Amino acid sequence: MAQRVVIVLLNTPADNADAPLAQAAVAAAMGMDTEVLFTGAAGRIAVRGVAAAQTARDGSMRSLHDVIRDGAEAGVVYRICSPAVARFGDDLIPEIREIVGAAWLMGRVTEHDTTVLTY
């Protein structure tokens, strides 16, 4: 089993992001080193207020930001790529730990013990 899971949200709209974000929380709860990268159009989800305004479609009536918080509490590390910040601004949710670039992504996804899921 992979020791690290990297979930890349590239073109996932906020109204379809609850499943991969919940999967990240589950992976972290299972003891995997779990990271989520918001990039491309999905970078908008990391902007303050966007995830809070979206209801998760899991039947709980919680916000997408609640799903992100659950992941953070389980140990998920959230990052956003620098082009997404340039596109959507830097007023980000507090769960975003770091702004990264292409070198971070390429270095991370090519490590031997890493599974990458893209959405």
Protein backbone atom coordinates (compact mmCIF):
# COMPACT_ATOMS: atom_id res chain seq x y z
CA MET A 1 0.00 0.00 0.00
CA ALA A 2 1.18 3.52 -0.75
CA GLN A 3 2.48 5.48 2.17
CA ARG A 4 1.39 8.78 0.60
CA VAL A 5 -1.74 9.80 -1.31
CA VAL A 6 -1.80 13.02 -3.30
CA ILE A 7 -5.22 14.13 -4.51
CA VAL A 8 -5.03 16.74 -7.26
CA LEU A 9 -8.20 18.75 -7.79
CA LEU A 10 -7.70 20.33 -11.20
CA ASN A 11 -11.00 21.02 -12.92
CA THR A 12 -13.38 19.86 -10.21
CA PRO A 13 -16.13 22.42 -9.55
CA ALA A 14 -17.12 23.10 -5.94
CA ASP A 15 -20.44 21.31 -6.43
CA ASN A 16 -18.62 18.09 -7.29
CA ALA A 17 -15.66 18.21 -4.88
CA ASP A 18 -17.16 16.61 -1.80
CA ALA A 19 -16.34 13.02 -2.81
CA PRO A 20 -12.60 13.48 -3.42
CA LEU A 21 -12.30 15.66 -0.32
CA ALA A 22 -14.06 13.01 1.76
CA GLN A 23 -11.75 10.38 0.25
CA ALA A 24 -8.79 12.44 1.44
CA ALA A 25 -10.15 12.48 4.98
CA VAL A 26 -10.64 8.70 4.88
CA ALA A 27 -7.10 8.13 3.59
CA ALA A 28 -5.69 10.29 6.40
CA ALA A 29 -7.84 8.48 8.98
CA MET A 30 -6.41 5.21 7.66
CA GLY A 31 -2.94 6.48 8.52
CA MET A 32 -1.78 7.52 5.06
CA ASP A 33 0.20 10.70 4.53
CA THR A 34 -2.50 12.57 2.57
CA GLU A 35 -2.20 15.79 0.62
CA VAL A 36 -4.72 17.70 -1.49
CA LEU A 37 -3.58 20.16 -4.13
CA PHE A 38 -6.03 22.71 -5.47
CA THR A 39 -4.95 23.74 -8.96
CA GLY A 40 -6.47 24.97 -12.20
CA ALA A 41 -10.15 25.88 -12.02
CA ALA A 42 -10.50 23.94 -8.75
CA GLY A 43 -8.27 26.53 -7.08
CA ARG A 44 -11.38 28.63 -6.61
CA ILE A 45 -12.58 26.16 -3.95
CA ALA A 46 -9.73 27.28 -1.68
CA VAL A 47 -10.83 30.92 -1.78
CA ARG A 48 -12.48 32.06 1.45
CA GLY A 49 -16.28 31.77 1.21
CA VAL A 50 -16.53 29.49 -1.84
CA ALA A 51 -16.50 26.15 0.00
CA ALA A 52 -18.61 27.59 2.82
CA ALA A 53 -21.33 28.52 0.32
CA GLN A 54 -21.46 25.03 -1.20
CA THR A 55 -23.52 22.31 0.46
CA ALA A 56 -21.85 18.89 0.41
CA ARG A 57 -23.92 16.37 -1.51
CA ASP A 58 -23.49 13.62 1.07
CA GLY A 59 -26.88 14.23 2.64
CA SER A 60 -25.44 15.83 5.77
CA MET A 61 -26.41 19.40 4.82
CA ARG A 62 -22.94 20.51 5.92
CA SER A 63 -20.84 22.83 3.82
CA LEU A 64 -17.94 21.77 1.63
CA HIS A 65 -15.74 23.76 3.98
CA ASP A 66 -16.90 21.46 6.80
CA VAL A 67 -15.69 18.50 4.73
CA ILE A 68 -12.32 20.25 4.30
CA ARG A 69 -12.14 20.90 8.05
CA ASP A 70 -12.85 17.22 8.74
CA GLY A 71 -9.94 16.33 6.49
CA ALA A 72 -7.62 18.77 8.23
CA GLU A 73 -8.59 17.30 11.60
CA ALA A 74 -7.81 13.82 10.23
CA GLY A 75 -4.39 15.02 9.06
CA VAL A 76 -4.91 16.02 5.43
CA VAL A 77 -2.49 18.72 4.28
CA TYR A 78 -4.04 21.18 1.81
CA ARG A 79 -2.00 23.18 -0.70
CA ILE A 80 -2.80 25.44 -3.62
CA CYS A 81 -0.70 26.10 -6.69
CA SER A 82 0.69 29.56 -7.32
CA PRO A 83 -1.07 30.01 -10.71
CA ALA A 84 -4.44 29.42 -8.99
CA VAL A 85 -3.57 32.08 -6.42
CA ALA A 86 -2.65 34.45 -9.25
CA ARG A 87 -5.99 33.68 -10.91
CA PHE A 88 -8.34 33.71 -7.89
CA GLY A 89 -6.51 35.76 -5.26
CA ASP A 90 -4.86 35.03 -1.95
CA ASP A 91 -7.84 35.31 0.42
CA LEU A 92 -7.68 31.59 1.18
CA ILE A 93 -9.34 29.31 3.69
CA PRO A 94 -7.19 28.80 6.80
CA GLU A 95 -6.71 25.09 6.05
CA ILE A 96 -4.38 25.90 3.13
CA ARG A 97 -0.94 25.21 4.51
CA GLU A 98 1.20 26.28 1.58
CA ILE A 99 1.28 27.82 -1.88
CA VAL A 100 3.35 25.60 -4.19
CA GLY A 101 4.52 25.50 -7.78
CA ALA A 102 5.08 22.94 -10.49
CA ALA A 103 8.39 21.78 -9.02
CA TRP A 104 6.65 20.75 -5.78
CA LEU A 105 4.02 18.79 -7.69
CA MET A 106 6.48 17.02 -9.99
CA GLY A 107 8.74 16.16 -7.08
CA ARG A 108 5.89 14.81 -4.99
CA VAL A 109 4.04 12.74 -7.60
CA THR A 110 7.20 11.00 -8.82
CA GLU A 111 8.16 9.63 -5.41
CA HIS A 112 8.05 5.82 -5.36
CA ASP A 113 5.69 5.46 -2.40
CA THR A 114 3.04 7.88 -3.69
CA THR A 115 -0.37 7.23 -5.24
CA VAL A 116 -1.83 10.14 -7.17
CA LEU A 117 -5.56 10.60 -7.71
CA THR A 118 -6.72 13.38 -10.03
CA TYR A 119 -10.14 14.93 -10.30
